Every structure is written in structure tokens, then in C-alpha cells.
Amino acid sequence: MPIFREAREKNVRNKNYQVWQQHNHAEEVFSPGFTFTKINYIYQNLVEEGFVDRPEDYYYSSARDYSGRKGPILVSVIELHRLV
């Protein structure tokens, strides 16, 4: 947990820990295609960082549910192909 304590020290509003990066760039989800792009980006980060070979291989990813496998959390699967 030391890394989360160090991140906390950079932001006076944090009391204990900071898990997420400080300067995220929030964007409005304005279209189905944009939503698909962002979902795909999140899934591919796991692969690009070398955590897994495929997004659905990450146990806590909802990509598991979209591939027909069950994850540890109940996920409502939507038809992603309709977003494009």
C-alpha cells in the first residue's frame, strides 16, 4: 500500500489513499460508437500492459461475460455490435 499512500500525499483532498491517477480526462459519452471505442480501449489496456493475452482472460473484467465466460460480478451484457 505504500504506493497508494505516496499518491495520496500529492493531493490534499485525499485522506488515506489514492488509487486512480490524479489528472484524468473525463469525456461525455455522446454516441454508441464512442461508447464502443471507450469500452474497447479499457479492455485492450490489459492486453497492451501485458497483464493478459486477451481481455477476457482478466478475472475481474466484464470482457469475460461478453466472451461467454462468467466473471465474479453480475454483468448485464448489452449487444456491443449495435454500438458501432
Protein backbone atom coordinates (compact mmCIF):
# COMPACT_ATOMS: atom_id res chain seq x y z
CA MET A 1 0.00 0.00 0.00
CA PRO A 2 2.94 2.44 0.15
CA ILE A 3 2.43 3.45 -3.48
CA PHE A 4 -1.18 4.46 -2.74
CA ARG A 5 -0.06 6.45 0.31
CA GLU A 6 2.53 8.27 -1.80
CA ALA A 7 -0.12 9.12 -4.40
CA ARG A 8 -2.37 10.41 -1.61
CA GLU A 9 0.32 12.86 -0.47
CA LYS A 10 0.17 14.62 -3.85
CA ASN A 11 -3.48 15.60 -3.33
CA VAL A 12 -4.55 17.36 -0.13
CA ARG A 13 -8.18 16.25 -0.61
CA ASN A 14 -7.26 12.58 -0.07
CA LYS A 15 -7.49 11.25 3.48
CA ASN A 16 -5.91 7.79 3.25
CA TYR A 17 -5.07 6.50 -0.22
CA GLN A 18 -5.39 7.38 -3.89
CA VAL A 19 -5.91 4.53 -6.34
CA TRP A 20 -6.74 6.39 -9.57
CA GLN A 21 -4.46 8.82 -11.36
CA GLN A 22 -4.98 12.43 -10.38
CA HIS A 23 -5.45 14.09 -13.74
CA ASN A 24 -7.93 12.02 -15.67
CA HIS A 25 -9.69 13.49 -18.67
CA ALA A 26 -13.43 12.99 -18.33
CA GLU A 27 -15.34 12.80 -21.60
CA GLU A 28 -19.06 12.80 -22.24
CA VAL A 29 -20.35 9.58 -23.80
CA PHE A 30 -22.31 11.05 -26.67
CA SER A 31 -22.86 8.22 -29.13
CA PRO A 32 -22.99 4.42 -29.29
CA GLY A 33 -19.83 4.31 -31.41
CA PHE A 34 -17.97 6.46 -28.90
CA THR A 35 -19.12 4.13 -26.11
CA PHE A 36 -17.81 1.10 -28.01
CA THR A 37 -14.48 2.84 -28.62
CA LYS A 38 -14.03 3.57 -24.91
CA ILE A 39 -15.04 0.06 -23.82
CA ASN A 40 -12.59 -1.43 -26.31
CA TYR A 41 -9.85 0.94 -25.10
CA ILE A 42 -10.35 -0.16 -21.49
CA TYR A 43 -10.28 -3.85 -22.43
CA GLN A 44 -7.21 -3.50 -24.63
CA ASN A 45 -5.22 -1.73 -21.90
CA LEU A 46 -4.99 -5.04 -20.04
CA VAL A 47 -3.52 -6.69 -23.11
CA GLU A 48 -1.16 -3.85 -24.03
CA GLU A 49 0.25 -3.71 -20.50
CA GLY A 50 0.95 -7.44 -20.65
CA PHE A 51 -1.41 -8.49 -17.85
CA VAL A 52 -3.27 -10.93 -20.10
CA ASP A 53 -3.19 -12.25 -23.66
CA ARG A 54 -6.88 -11.47 -24.25
CA PRO A 55 -9.18 -9.06 -22.36
CA GLU A 56 -11.48 -11.90 -21.29
CA ASP A 57 -8.57 -13.63 -19.54
CA TYR A 58 -8.54 -10.97 -16.80
CA TYR A 59 -10.68 -12.40 -14.00
CA TYR A 60 -12.26 -9.08 -12.96
CA SER A 61 -13.03 -7.83 -16.48
CA SER A 62 -16.55 -7.75 -17.86
CA ALA A 63 -14.93 -8.83 -21.13
CA ARG A 64 -15.27 -12.34 -19.69
CA ASP A 65 -19.05 -12.02 -19.76
CA TYR A 66 -19.00 -10.76 -23.35
CA SER A 67 -16.95 -13.79 -24.37
CA GLY A 68 -19.43 -16.20 -22.76
CA ARG A 69 -17.41 -16.81 -19.60
CA LYS A 70 -18.61 -15.78 -16.16
CA GLY A 71 -16.75 -13.28 -14.03
CA PRO A 72 -17.05 -12.74 -10.28
CA ILE A 73 -19.52 -9.85 -10.65
CA LEU A 74 -23.00 -9.94 -12.18
CA VAL A 75 -22.81 -8.09 -15.51
CA SER A 76 -25.72 -7.07 -17.73
CA VAL A 77 -24.42 -7.82 -21.20
CA ILE A 78 -25.51 -5.42 -23.94
CA GLU A 79 -25.17 -6.02 -27.64
CA LEU A 80 -21.91 -4.20 -28.33
CA HIS A 81 -22.12 -4.72 -32.08
CA ARG A 82 -25.13 -2.39 -32.06
CA LEU A 83 -22.92 0.38 -30.69
CA VAL A 84 -20.80 0.60 -33.82
